[in-house]
């Protein structure tokens, strides 16, 4: 399942005095979930590299339909990038993104340009 971090809240104090950070997610099915991370607990360290709003993750275990288990092992989902590596004149390599074609440039299988619908 794919989860997207939508918000990382500011650090708060719980009723028992522990500090925690609430993280909210948008799930692949469109619903939302949250987890609370406590910097004093060991599992917090595995989350630190992934605490970036907008990051897509997998590997999360659900405690309930709306709560992610903080003991999960998150993994970053690589974003698919369309492009190619090219060798520069000085011997270094650069990645060139392929441009997204304009709708008017899309050609169907018969080789005819598709018309934009108004």
PDB file of N, CA and C in Angstrom:
ATOM      1  N   UNK A   1       0.844  -1.178   0.000  1.00  0.00           N
ATOM      2  CA  UNK A   1       0.000   0.000   0.000  1.00  0.00           C
ATOM      3  C   UNK A   1       0.889   1.241   0.000  1.00  0.00           C
ATOM      4  N   UNK A   2       0.432   2.253  -0.679  1.00  0.00           N
ATOM      5  CA  UNK A   2       1.181   3.507  -0.787  1.00  0.00           C
ATOM      6  C   UNK A   2       0.532   4.542   0.136  1.00  0.00           C
ATOM      7  N   UNK A   3       1.363   5.198   0.936  1.00  0.00           N
ATOM      8  CA  UNK A   3       0.908   6.255   1.827  1.00  0.00           C
ATOM      9  C   UNK A   3       1.694   7.516   1.530  1.00  0.00           C
ATOM     10  N   UNK A   4       1.034   8.659   1.617  1.00  0.00           N
ATOM     11  CA  UNK A   4       1.678   9.939   1.364  1.00  0.00           C
ATOM     12  C   UNK A   4       1.606  10.773   2.641  1.00  0.00           C
ATOM     13  N   UNK A   5       2.759  11.292   3.088  1.00  0.00           N
ATOM     14  CA  UNK A   5       2.768  12.154   4.277  1.00  0.00           C
ATOM     15  C   UNK A   5       2.173  13.500   3.886  1.00  0.00           C
ATOM     16  N   UNK A   6       1.040  13.837   4.508  1.00  0.00           N
ATOM     17  CA  UNK A   6       0.377  15.095   4.183  1.00  0.00           C
ATOM     18  C   UNK A   6       0.730  16.217   5.135  1.00  0.00           C
ATOM     19  N   UNK A   7       1.030  15.868   6.402  1.00  0.00           N
ATOM     20  CA  UNK A   7       1.366  16.916   7.367  1.00  0.00           C
ATOM     21  C   UNK A   7       2.188  16.329   8.502  1.00  0.00           C
ATOM     22  N   UNK A   8       3.186  17.098   8.923  1.00  0.00           N
ATOM     23  CA  UNK A   8       3.982  16.776  10.107  1.00  0.00           C
ATOM     24  C   UNK A   8       3.714  17.909  11.087  1.00  0.00           C
ATOM     25  N   UNK A   9       3.005  17.588  12.151  1.00  0.00           N
ATOM     26  CA  UNK A   9       2.602  18.596  13.125  1.00  0.00           C
ATOM     27  C   UNK A   9       3.778  18.981  14.022  1.00  0.00           C
ATOM     28  N   UNK A  10       3.650  20.115  14.669  1.00  0.00           N
ATOM     29  CA  UNK A  10       4.674  20.562  15.625  1.00  0.00           C
ATOM     30  C   UNK A  10       4.682  19.624  16.825  1.00  0.00           C
ATOM     31  N   UNK A  11       5.812  19.562  17.496  1.00  0.00           N
ATOM     32  CA  UNK A  11       5.953  18.699  18.666  1.00  0.00           C
ATOM     33  C   UNK A  11       4.990  19.171  19.764  1.00  0.00           C
ATOM     34  N   UNK A  12       4.354  18.196  20.418  1.00  0.00           N
ATOM     35  CA  UNK A  12       3.385  18.483  21.481  1.00  0.00           C
ATOM     36  C   UNK A  12       3.730  17.638  22.698  1.00  0.00           C
ATOM     37  N   UNK A  13       3.087  17.936  23.800  1.00  0.00           N
ATOM     38  CA  UNK A  13       3.224  17.148  25.028  1.00  0.00           C
ATOM     39  C   UNK A  13       1.947  16.339  25.233  1.00  0.00           C
ATOM     40  N   UNK A  14       2.123  15.057  25.552  1.00  0.00           N
ATOM     41  CA  UNK A  14       0.967  14.211  25.843  1.00  0.00           C
ATOM     42  C   UNK A  14       0.508  14.446  27.275  1.00  0.00           C
ATOM     43  N   UNK A  15      -0.600  13.804  27.649  1.00  0.00           N
ATOM     44  CA  UNK A  15      -1.119  13.952  29.006  1.00  0.00           C
ATOM     45  C   UNK A  15      -0.141  13.448  30.062  1.00  0.00           C
ATOM     46  N   UNK A  16       0.677  12.433  29.682  1.00  0.00           N
ATOM     47  CA  UNK A  16       1.649  11.914  30.653  1.00  0.00           C
ATOM     48  C   UNK A  16       2.990  12.652  30.598  1.00  0.00           C
ATOM     49  N   UNK A  17       3.084  13.710  29.781  1.00  0.00           N
ATOM     50  CA  UNK A  17       4.284  14.535  29.759  1.00  0.00           C
ATOM     51  C   UNK A  17       5.288  14.209  28.669  1.00  0.00           C
ATOM     52  N   UNK A  18       5.082  13.111  27.921  1.00  0.00           N
ATOM     53  CA  UNK A  18       6.003  12.762  26.833  1.00  0.00           C
ATOM     54  C   UNK A  18       5.793  13.690  25.636  1.00  0.00           C
ATOM     55  N   UNK A  19       6.881  14.009  24.959  1.00  0.00           N
ATOM     56  CA  UNK A  19       6.793  14.796  23.729  1.00  0.00           C
ATOM     57  C   UNK A  19       6.469  13.847  22.580  1.00  0.00           C
ATOM     58  N   UNK A  20       5.652  14.299  21.610  1.00  0.00           N
ATOM     59  CA  UNK A  20       5.360  13.485  20.433  1.00  0.00           C
ATOM     60  C   UNK A  20       5.100  14.378  19.232  1.00  0.00           C
ATOM     61  N   UNK A  21       5.276  13.787  18.070  1.00  0.00           N
ATOM     62  CA  UNK A  21       4.990  14.458  16.798  1.00  0.00           C
ATOM     63  C   UNK A  21       3.915  13.646  16.096  1.00  0.00           C
ATOM     64  N   UNK A  22       2.839  14.292  15.705  1.00  0.00           N
ATOM     65  CA  UNK A  22       1.780  13.614  14.949  1.00  0.00           C
ATOM     66  C   UNK A  22       2.071  13.774  13.464  1.00  0.00           C
ATOM     67  N   UNK A  23       1.971  12.658  12.740  1.00  0.00           N
ATOM     68  CA  UNK A  23       2.164  12.637  11.293  1.00  0.00           C
ATOM     69  C   UNK A  23       0.871  12.128  10.679  1.00  0.00           C
ATOM     70  N   UNK A  24       0.342  12.853   9.688  1.00  0.00           N
ATOM     71  CA  UNK A  24      -0.875  12.403   9.012  1.00  0.00           C
ATOM     72  C   UNK A  24      -0.535  11.972   7.590  1.00  0.00           C
ATOM     73  N   UNK A  25      -1.297  10.995   7.116  1.00  0.00           N
ATOM     74  CA  UNK A  25      -1.062  10.363   5.820  1.00  0.00           C
ATOM     75  C   UNK A  25      -2.343  10.338   4.999  1.00  0.00           C
ATOM     76  N   UNK A  26      -2.189  10.396   3.684  1.00  0.00           N
ATOM     77  CA  UNK A  26      -3.279  10.074   2.776  1.00  0.00           C
ATOM     78  C   UNK A  26      -2.963   8.682   2.232  1.00  0.00           C
ATOM     79  N   UNK A  27      -3.917   7.782   2.357  1.00  0.00           N
ATOM     80  CA  UNK A  27      -3.712   6.407   1.929  1.00  0.00           C
ATOM     81  C   UNK A  27      -4.087   6.236   0.467  1.00  0.00           C
ATOM     82  N   UNK A  28      -3.633   5.141  -0.102  1.00  0.00           N
ATOM     83  CA  UNK A  28      -3.872   4.860  -1.507  1.00  0.00           C
ATOM     84  C   UNK A  28      -5.365   4.801  -1.830  1.00  0.00           C
ATOM     85  N   UNK A  29      -6.181   4.346  -0.872  1.00  0.00           N
ATOM     86  CA  UNK A  29      -7.621   4.234  -1.110  1.00  0.00           C
ATOM     87  C   UNK A  29      -8.351   5.566  -0.913  1.00  0.00           C
ATOM     88  N   UNK A  30      -7.613   6.644  -0.609  1.00  0.00           N
ATOM     89  CA  UNK A  30      -8.208   7.968  -0.470  1.00  0.00           C
ATOM     90  C   UNK A  30      -8.532   8.361   0.961  1.00  0.00           C
ATOM     91  N   UNK A  31      -8.504   7.415   1.883  1.00  0.00           N
ATOM     92  CA  UNK A  31      -8.779   7.746   3.280  1.00  0.00           C
ATOM     93  C   UNK A  31      -7.514   8.305   3.934  1.00  0.00           C
ATOM     94  N   UNK A  32      -7.622   8.680   5.207  1.00  0.00           N
ATOM     95  CA  UNK A  32      -6.475   9.253   5.901  1.00  0.00           C
ATOM     96  C   UNK A  32      -6.147   8.415   7.125  1.00  0.00           C
ATOM     97  N   UNK A  33      -4.923   8.602   7.622  1.00  0.00           N
ATOM     98  CA  UNK A  33      -4.473   7.920   8.833  1.00  0.00           C
ATOM     99  C   UNK A  33      -3.453   8.814   9.521  1.00  0.00           C
ATOM    100  N   UNK A  34      -3.132   8.455  10.766  1.00  0.00           N
ATOM    101  CA  UNK A  34      -2.152   9.225  11.527  1.00  0.00           C
ATOM    102  C   UNK A  34      -1.296   8.262  12.338  1.00  0.00           C
ATOM    103  N   UNK A  35      -0.170   8.784  12.793  1.00  0.00           N
ATOM    104  CA  UNK A  35       0.640   8.090  13.785  1.00  0.00           C
ATOM    105  C   UNK A  35       1.283   9.148  14.667  1.00  0.00           C
ATOM    106  N   UNK A  36       1.603   8.752  15.877  1.00  0.00           N
ATOM    107  CA  UNK A  36       2.285   9.638  16.807  1.00  0.00           C
ATOM    108  C   UNK A  36       3.668   9.082  17.070  1.00  0.00           C
ATOM    109  N   UNK A  37       4.684   9.902  16.867  1.00  0.00           N
ATOM    110  CA  UNK A  37       6.073   9.486  17.041  1.00  0.00           C
ATOM    111  C   UNK A  37       6.674  10.211  18.243  1.00  0.00           C
ATOM    112  N   UNK A  38       7.276   9.457  19.126  1.00  0.00           N
ATOM    113  CA  UNK A  38       7.885  10.009  20.335  1.00  0.00           C
ATOM    114  C   UNK A  38       9.408   9.974  20.180  1.00  0.00           C
ATOM    115  N   UNK A  39      10.074  11.134  20.187  1.00  0.00           N
ATOM    116  CA  UNK A  39      11.532  11.161  20.018  1.00  0.00           C
ATOM    117  C   UNK A  39      12.294  10.357  21.074  1.00  0.00           C
ATOM    118  N   UNK A  40      11.680  10.073  22.202  1.00  0.00           N
ATOM    119  CA  UNK A  40      12.346   9.303  23.251  1.00  0.00           C
ATOM    120  C   UNK A  40      12.358   7.799  22.976  1.00  0.00           C
ATOM    121  N   UNK A  41      11.562   7.340  22.018  1.00  0.00           N
ATOM    122  CA  UNK A  41      11.467   5.904  21.742  1.00  0.00           C
ATOM    123  C   UNK A  41      12.388   5.520  20.592  1.00  0.00           C
ATOM    124  N   UNK A  42      12.861   4.269  20.602  1.00  0.00           N
ATOM    125  CA  UNK A  42      13.812   3.799  19.581  1.00  0.00           C
ATOM    126  C   UNK A  42      13.254   3.866  18.162  1.00  0.00           C
ATOM    127  N   UNK A  43      11.955   3.585  18.012  1.00  0.00           N
ATOM    128  CA  UNK A  43      11.393   3.560  16.651  1.00  0.00           C
ATOM    129  C   UNK A  43      11.434   4.922  15.971  1.00  0.00           C
ATOM    130  N   UNK A  44      11.580   6.001  16.727  1.00  0.00           N
ATOM    131  CA  UNK A  44      11.622   7.343  16.148  1.00  0.00           C
ATOM    132  C   UNK A  44      12.784   7.484  15.165  1.00  0.00           C
ATOM    133  N   UNK A  45      13.934   6.895  15.497  1.00  0.00           N
ATOM    134  CA  UNK A  45      15.118   7.032  14.649  1.00  0.00           C
ATOM    135  C   UNK A  45      14.911   6.472  13.252  1.00  0.00           C
ATOM    136  N   UNK A  46      14.112   5.411  13.119  1.00  0.00           N
ATOM    137  CA  UNK A  46      13.881   4.864  11.777  1.00  0.00           C
ATOM    138  C   UNK A  46      12.965   5.758  10.944  1.00  0.00           C
ATOM    139  N   UNK A  47      12.219   6.647  11.587  1.00  0.00           N
ATOM    140  CA  UNK A  47      11.313   7.553  10.887  1.00  0.00           C
ATOM    141  C   UNK A  47      11.999   8.847  10.446  1.00  0.00           C
ATOM    142  N   UNK A  48      13.053   9.258  11.140  1.00  0.00           N
ATOM    143  CA  UNK A  48      13.677  10.566  10.908  1.00  0.00           C
ATOM    144  C   UNK A  48      13.986  10.826   9.428  1.00  0.00           C
ATOM    145  N   UNK A  49      14.587   9.886   8.678  1.00  0.00           N
ATOM    146  CA  UNK A  49      14.900  10.201   7.268  1.00  0.00           C
ATOM    147  C   UNK A  49      13.662  10.374   6.382  1.00  0.00           C
ATOM    148  N   UNK A  50      12.503   9.945   6.875  1.00  0.00           N
ATOM    149  CA  UNK A  50      11.289   9.966   6.057  1.00  0.00           C
ATOM    150  C   UNK A  50      10.310  11.059   6.465  1.00  0.00           C
ATOM    151  N   UNK A  51      10.653  11.890   7.408  1.00  0.00           N
ATOM    152  CA  UNK A  51       9.735  12.923   7.884  1.00  0.00           C
ATOM    153  C   UNK A  51       9.793  14.144   6.976  1.00  0.00           C
ATOM    154  N   UNK A  52       9.219  13.969   5.788  1.00  0.00           N
ATOM    155  CA  UNK A  52       9.186  15.011   4.761  1.00  0.00           C
ATOM    156  C   UNK A  52       7.767  15.052   4.210  1.00  0.00           C
ATOM    157  N   UNK A  53       7.117  16.198   4.319  1.00  0.00           N
ATOM    158  CA  UNK A  53       5.760  16.309   3.777  1.00  0.00           C
ATOM    159  C   UNK A  53       5.779  16.070   2.273  1.00  0.00           C
ATOM    160  N   UNK A  54       4.802  15.296   1.794  1.00  0.00           N
ATOM    161  CA  UNK A  54       4.688  14.983   0.374  1.00  0.00           C
ATOM    162  C   UNK A  54       5.388  13.704  -0.031  1.00  0.00           C
ATOM    163  N   UNK A  55       6.144  13.090   0.881  1.00  0.00           N
ATOM    164  CA  UNK A  55       6.888  11.873   0.566  1.00  0.00           C
ATOM    165  C   UNK A  55       5.950  10.673   0.505  1.00  0.00           C
ATOM    166  N   UNK A  56       6.103   9.840  -0.523  1.00  0.00           N
ATOM    167  CA  UNK A  56       5.340   8.607  -0.651  1.00  0.00           C
ATOM    168  C   UNK A  56       6.103   7.472   0.011  1.00  0.00           C
ATOM    169  N   UNK A  57       5.402   6.726   0.860  1.00  0.00           N
ATOM    170  CA  UNK A  57       6.005   5.622   1.598  1.00  0.00           C
ATOM    171  C   UNK A  57       5.232   4.341   1.379  1.00  0.00           C
ATOM    172  N   UNK A  58       5.900   3.220   1.620  1.00  0.00           N
ATOM    173  CA  UNK A  58       5.221   1.941   1.759  1.00  0.00           C
ATOM    174  C   UNK A  58       5.878   1.216   2.916  1.00  0.00           C
ATOM    175  N   UNK A  59       5.413   0.022   3.221  1.00  0.00           N
ATOM    176  CA  UNK A  59       5.966  -0.739   4.330  1.00  0.00           C
ATOM    177  C   UNK A  59       5.335  -0.398   5.663  1.00  0.00           C
ATOM    178  N   UNK A  60       4.279   0.408   5.656  1.00  0.00           N
ATOM    179  CA  UNK A  60       3.639   0.784   6.905  1.00  0.00           C
ATOM    180  C   UNK A  60       2.559  -0.227   7.268  1.00  0.00           C
ATOM    181  N   UNK A  61       2.482  -0.538   8.550  1.00  0.00           N
ATOM    182  CA  UNK A  61       1.492  -1.480   9.069  1.00  0.00           C
ATOM    183  C   UNK A  61       0.382  -0.669   9.728  1.00  0.00           C
ATOM    184  N   UNK A  62      -0.853  -1.023   9.446  1.00  0.00           N
ATOM    185  CA  UNK A  62      -1.986  -0.317  10.018  1.00  0.00           C
ATOM    186  C   UNK A  62      -2.364  -0.955  11.346  1.00  0.00           C
ATOM    187  N   UNK A  63      -2.467  -0.136  12.391  1.00  0.00           N
ATOM    188  CA  UNK A  63      -2.964  -0.586  13.700  1.00  0.00           C
ATOM    189  C   UNK A  63      -4.484  -0.668  13.674  1.00  0.00           C
ATOM    190  N   UNK A  64      -5.087   0.267  12.981  1.00  0.00           N
ATOM    191  CA  UNK A  64      -6.532   0.324  12.768  1.00  0.00           C
ATOM    192  C   UNK A  64      -6.725   0.991  11.408  1.00  0.00           C
ATOM    193  N   UNK A  65      -7.944   1.074  10.894  1.00  0.00           N
ATOM    194  CA  UNK A  65      -8.124   1.697   9.572  1.00  0.00           C
ATOM    195  C   UNK A  65      -7.627   3.138   9.475  1.00  0.00           C
ATOM    196  N   UNK A  66      -7.499   3.828  10.605  1.00  0.00           N
ATOM    197  CA  UNK A  66      -7.051   5.226  10.540  1.00  0.00           C
ATOM    198  C   UNK A  66      -5.791   5.494  11.364  1.00  0.00           C
ATOM    199  N   UNK A  67      -5.061   4.438  11.736  1.00  0.00           N
ATOM    200  CA  UNK A  67      -3.848   4.640  12.520  1.00  0.00           C
ATOM    201  C   UNK A  67      -2.713   3.743  12.027  1.00  0.00           C
ATOM    202  N   UNK A  68      -1.576   4.374  11.720  1.00  0.00           N
ATOM    203  CA  UNK A  68      -0.369   3.660  11.302  1.00  0.00           C
ATOM    204  C   UNK A  68       0.406   3.269  12.556  1.00  0.00           C
ATOM    205  N   UNK A  69       0.889   2.040  12.589  1.00  0.00           N
ATOM    206  CA  UNK A  69       1.696   1.564  13.707  1.00  0.00           C
ATOM    207  C   UNK A  69       3.053   2.265  13.665  1.00  0.00           C
ATOM    208  N   UNK A  70       3.408   2.964  14.734  1.00  0.00           N
ATOM    209  CA  UNK A  70       4.687   3.693  14.787  1.00  0.00           C
ATOM    210  C   UNK A  70       5.880   2.741  14.773  1.00  0.00           C
ATOM    211  N   UNK A  71       5.655   1.453  15.024  1.00  0.00           N
ATOM    212  CA  UNK A  71       6.729   0.459  14.961  1.00  0.00           C
ATOM    213  C   UNK A  71       6.948  -0.077  13.548  1.00  0.00           C
ATOM    214  N   UNK A  72       6.252   0.482  12.565  1.00  0.00           N
ATOM    215  CA  UNK A  72       6.433   0.082  11.165  1.00  0.00           C
ATOM    216  C   UNK A  72       7.836   0.445  10.685  1.00  0.00           C
ATOM    217  N   UNK A  73       8.240  -0.171   9.598  1.00  0.00           N
ATOM    218  CA  UNK A  73       9.522   0.139   8.948  1.00  0.00           C
ATOM    219  C   UNK A  73       9.229   0.827   7.611  1.00  0.00           C
ATOM    220  N   UNK A  74       9.181   2.164   7.599  1.00  0.00           N
ATOM    221  CA  UNK A  74       8.831   2.869   6.360  1.00  0.00           C
ATOM    222  C   UNK A  74       9.910   2.740   5.293  1.00  0.00           C
ATOM    223  N   UNK A  75       9.461   2.743   4.044  1.00  0.00           N
ATOM    224  CA  UNK A  75      10.352   2.743   2.878  1.00  0.00           C
ATOM    225  C   UNK A  75       9.881   3.833   1.934  1.00  0.00           C
ATOM    226  N   UNK A  76      10.824   4.575   1.389  1.00  0.00           N
ATOM    227  CA  UNK A  76      10.498   5.606   0.400  1.00  0.00           C
ATOM    228  C   UNK A  76      10.174   4.928  -0.925  1.00  0.00           C
ATOM    229  N   UNK A  77       9.116   5.377  -1.555  1.00  0.00           N
ATOM    230  CA  UNK A  77       8.784   4.903  -2.898  1.00  0.00           C
ATOM    231  C   UNK A  77       9.469   5.832  -3.884  1.00  0.00           C
ATOM    232  N   UNK A  78      10.291   5.270  -4.745  1.00  0.00           N
ATOM    233  CA  UNK A  78      10.997   6.077  -5.741  1.00  0.00           C
ATOM    234  C   UNK A  78      10.002   6.656  -6.722  1.00  0.00           C
ATOM    235  N   UNK A  79      10.195   7.896  -7.038  1.00  0.00           N
ATOM    236  CA  UNK A  79       9.358   8.546  -8.035  1.00  0.00           C
ATOM    237  C   UNK A  79       9.864   8.168  -9.423  1.00  0.00           C
ATOM    238  N   UNK A  80       8.955   7.765 -10.286  1.00  0.00           N
ATOM    239  CA  UNK A  80       9.342   7.429 -11.647  1.00  0.00           C
ATOM    240  C   UNK A  80       9.663   8.722 -12.395  1.00  0.00           C
ATOM    241  N   UNK A  81      10.843   8.764 -12.955  1.00  0.00           N
ATOM    242  CA  UNK A  81      11.283   9.940 -13.694  1.00  0.00           C
ATOM    243  C   UNK A  81      11.523   9.518 -15.133  1.00  0.00           C
ATOM    244  N   UNK A  82      10.969  10.273 -16.056  1.00  0.00           N
ATOM    245  CA  UNK A  82      11.126   9.978 -17.468  1.00  0.00           C
ATOM    246  C   UNK A  82      12.267  10.834 -18.008  1.00  0.00           C
ATOM    247  N   UNK A  83      13.329  10.189 -18.453  1.00  0.00           N
ATOM    248  CA  UNK A  83      14.460  10.930 -18.976  1.00  0.00           C
ATOM    249  C   UNK A  83      15.583   9.992 -19.371  1.00  0.00           C
ATOM    250  N   UNK A  84      16.752  10.565 -19.589  1.00  0.00           N
ATOM    251  CA  UNK A  84      17.893   9.756 -20.007  1.00  0.00           C
ATOM    252  C   UNK A  84      19.195  10.402 -19.557  1.00  0.00           C
ATOM    253  N   UNK A  85      20.203   9.569 -19.357  1.00  0.00           N
ATOM    254  CA  UNK A  85      21.541  10.050 -19.021  1.00  0.00           C
ATOM    255  C   UNK A  85      22.286  10.351 -20.311  1.00  0.00           C
ATOM    256  N   UNK A  86      22.987  11.485 -20.340  1.00  0.00           N
ATOM    257  CA  UNK A  86      23.801  11.854 -21.495  1.00  0.00           C
ATOM    258  C   UNK A  86      25.204  12.218 -21.013  1.00  0.00           C
ATOM    259  N   UNK A  87      26.196  11.915 -21.842  1.00  0.00           N
ATOM    260  CA  UNK A  87      27.578  12.245 -21.507  1.00  0.00           C
ATOM    261  C   UNK A  87      27.883  13.649 -22.003  1.00  0.00           C
ATOM    262  N   UNK A  88      28.398  14.486 -21.112  1.00  0.00           N
ATOM    263  CA  UNK A  88      28.775  15.851 -21.462  1.00  0.00           C
ATOM    264  C   UNK A  88      30.135  15.849 -22.151  1.00  0.00           C
ATOM    265  N   UNK A  89      30.486  16.961 -22.789  1.00  0.00           N
ATOM    266  CA  UNK A  89      31.753  17.061 -23.516  1.00  0.00           C
ATOM    267  C   UNK A  89      32.970  16.916 -22.590  1.00  0.00           C
ATOM    268  N   UNK A  90      32.804  17.231 -21.304  1.00  0.00           N
ATOM    269  CA  UNK A  90      33.925  17.098 -20.368  1.00  0.00           C
ATOM    270  C   UNK A  90      34.002  15.700 -19.737  1.00  0.00           C
ATOM    271  N   UNK A  91      33.139  14.772 -20.195  1.00  0.00           N
ATOM    272  CA  UNK A  91      33.172  13.399 -19.701  1.00  0.00           C
ATOM    273  C   UNK A  91      32.229  13.123 -18.547  1.00  0.00           C
ATOM    274  N   UNK A  92      31.626  14.156 -17.962  1.00  0.00           N
ATOM    275  CA  UNK A  92      30.674  13.943 -16.872  1.00  0.00           C
ATOM    276  C   UNK A  92      29.325  13.529 -17.447  1.00  0.00           C
ATOM    277  N   UNK A  93      28.455  13.053 -16.575  1.00  0.00           N
ATOM    278  CA  UNK A  93      27.121  12.621 -16.997  1.00  0.00           C
ATOM    279  C   UNK A  93      26.076  13.579 -16.422  1.00  0.00           C
ATOM    280  N   UNK A  94      25.009  13.799 -17.184  1.00  0.00           N
ATOM    281  CA  UNK A  94      23.877  14.616 -16.738  1.00  0.00           C
ATOM    282  C   UNK A  94      22.591  13.879 -17.065  1.00  0.00           C
ATOM    283  N   UNK A  95      21.586  14.052 -16.202  1.00  0.00           N
ATOM    284  CA  UNK A  95      20.275  13.457 -16.461  1.00  0.00           C
ATOM    285  C   UNK A  95      19.387  14.521 -17.078  1.00  0.00           C
ATOM    286  N   UNK A  96      18.821  14.218 -18.233  1.00  0.00           N
ATOM    287  CA  UNK A  96      17.950  15.136 -18.952  1.00  0.00           C
ATOM    288  C   UNK A  96      16.527  14.598 -18.870  1.00  0.00           C
ATOM    289  N   UNK A  97      15.605  15.403 -18.279  1.00  0.00           N
ATOM    290  CA  UNK A  97      14.196  15.007 -18.215  1.00  0.00           C
ATOM    291  C   UNK A  97      13.580  15.100 -19.597  1.00  0.00           C
ATOM    292  N   UNK A  98      12.807  14.086 -19.948  1.00  0.00           N
ATOM    293  CA  UNK A  98      12.047  14.152 -21.189  1.00  0.00           C
ATOM    294  C   UNK A  98      10.856  15.060 -20.949  1.00  0.00           C
ATOM    295  N   UNK A  99      10.602  15.998 -21.840  1.00  0.00           N
ATOM    296  CA  UNK A  99       9.466  16.899 -21.635  1.00  0.00           C
ATOM    297  C   UNK A  99       8.143  16.153 -21.786  1.00  0.00           C
ATOM    298  N   UNK A 100       7.144  16.602 -21.055  1.00  0.00           N
ATOM    299  CA  UNK A 100       5.805  16.040 -21.193  1.00  0.00           C
ATOM    300  C   UNK A 100       5.200  16.671 -22.435  1.00  0.00           C
ATOM    301  N   UNK A 101       4.734  15.854 -23.386  1.00  0.00           N
ATOM    302  CA  UNK A 101       4.227  16.442 -24.628  1.00  0.00           C
ATOM    303  C   UNK A 101       2.915  17.190 -24.409  1.00  0.00           C
ATOM    304  N   UNK A 102       2.752  18.246 -25.162  1.00  0.00           N
ATOM    305  CA  UNK A 102       1.495  18.976 -25.191  1.00  0.00           C
ATOM    306  C   UNK A 102       0.465  18.072 -25.862  1.00  0.00           C
ATOM    307  N   UNK A 103      -0.802  18.209 -25.466  1.00  0.00           N
ATOM    308  CA  UNK A 103      -1.839  17.349 -26.042  1.00  0.00           C
ATOM    309  C   UNK A 103      -1.881  17.435 -27.565  1.00  0.00           C
ATOM    310  N   UNK A 104      -1.571  18.603 -28.123  1.00  0.00           N
ATOM    311  CA  UNK A 104      -1.628  18.766 -29.571  1.00  0.00           C
ATOM    312  C   UNK A 104      -0.489  18.017 -30.260  1.00  0.00           C
ATOM    313  N   UNK A 105       0.546  17.606 -29.504  1.00  0.00           N
ATOM    314  CA  UNK A 105       1.676  16.906 -30.087  1.00  0.00           C
ATOM    315  C   UNK A 105       1.525  15.390 -30.025  1.00  0.00           C
ATOM    316  N   UNK A 106       0.494  14.901 -29.334  1.00  0.00           N
ATOM    317  CA  UNK A 106       0.301  13.458 -29.209  1.00  0.00           C
ATOM    318  C   UNK A 106      -0.193  12.918 -30.536  1.00  0.00           C
ATOM    319  N   UNK A 107       0.454  11.873 -31.003  1.00  0.00           N
ATOM    320  CA  UNK A 107       0.089  11.280 -32.287  1.00  0.00           C
ATOM    321  C   UNK A 107      -0.477   9.898 -32.029  1.00  0.00           C
ATOM    322  N   UNK A 108      -1.628   9.606 -32.631  1.00  0.00           N
ATOM    323  CA  UNK A 108      -2.226   8.289 -32.417  1.00  0.00           C
ATOM    324  C   UNK A 108      -1.536   7.244 -33.278  1.00  0.00           C
ATOM    325  N   UNK A 109      -1.965   5.994 -33.165  1.00  0.00           N
ATOM    326  CA  UNK A 109      -1.287   4.888 -33.841  1.00  0.00           C
ATOM    327  C   UNK A 109      -1.362   4.989 -35.354  1.00  0.00           C
ATOM    328  N   UNK A 110      -2.324   5.739 -35.887  1.00  0.00           N
ATOM    329  CA  UNK A 110      -2.426   5.912 -37.329  1.00  0.00           C
ATOM    330  C   UNK A 110      -1.530   7.039 -37.820  1.00  0.00           C
ATOM    331  N   UNK A 111      -0.878   7.746 -36.896  1.00  0.00           N
ATOM    332  CA  UNK A 111       0.031   8.818 -37.290  1.00  0.00           C
ATOM    333  C   UNK A 111      -0.651  10.148 -37.470  1.00  0.00           C
ATOM    334  N   UNK A 112      -1.904  10.260 -37.094  1.00  0.00           N
ATOM    335  CA  UNK A 112      -2.640  11.505 -37.250  1.00  0.00           C
ATOM    336  C   UNK A 112      -2.648  12.235 -35.905  1.00  0.00           C
ATOM    337  N   UNK A 113      -2.508  13.554 -35.948  1.00  0.00           N
ATOM    338  CA  UNK A 113      -2.572  14.313 -34.710  1.00  0.00           C
ATOM    339  C   UNK A 113      -3.985  14.274 -34.142  1.00  0.00           C
ATOM    340  N   UNK A 114      -4.065  14.092 -32.825  1.00  0.00           N
ATOM    341  CA  UNK A 114      -5.356  14.108 -32.167  1.00  0.00           C
ATOM    342  C   UNK A 114      -5.783  15.547 -31.960  1.00  0.00           C
ATOM    343  N   UNK A 115      -7.045  15.794 -32.097  1.00  0.00           N
ATOM    344  CA  UNK A 115      -7.577  17.141 -31.908  1.00  0.00           C
ATOM    345  C   UNK A 115      -7.965  17.344 -30.447  1.00  0.00           C
ATOM    346  N   UNK A 116      -7.697  18.526 -29.921  1.00  0.00           N
ATOM    347  CA  UNK A 116      -8.130  18.865 -28.564  1.00  0.00           C
ATOM    348  C   UNK A 116      -9.641  19.014 -28.565  1.00  0.00           C
ATOM    349  N   UNK A 117     -10.240  18.469 -27.489  1.00  0.00           N
ATOM    350  CA  UNK A 117     -11.668  18.635 -27.332  1.00  0.00           C
ATOM    351  C   UNK A 117     -11.939  19.902 -26.551  1.00  0.00           C
ATOM    352  N   UNK A 118     -12.858  20.700 -27.010  1.00  0.00           N
ATOM    353  CA  UNK A 118     -13.193  21.939 -26.308  1.00  0.00           C
ATOM    354  C   UNK A 118     -14.360  21.731 -25.419  1.00  0.00           C
TER     355      UNK A 118
END
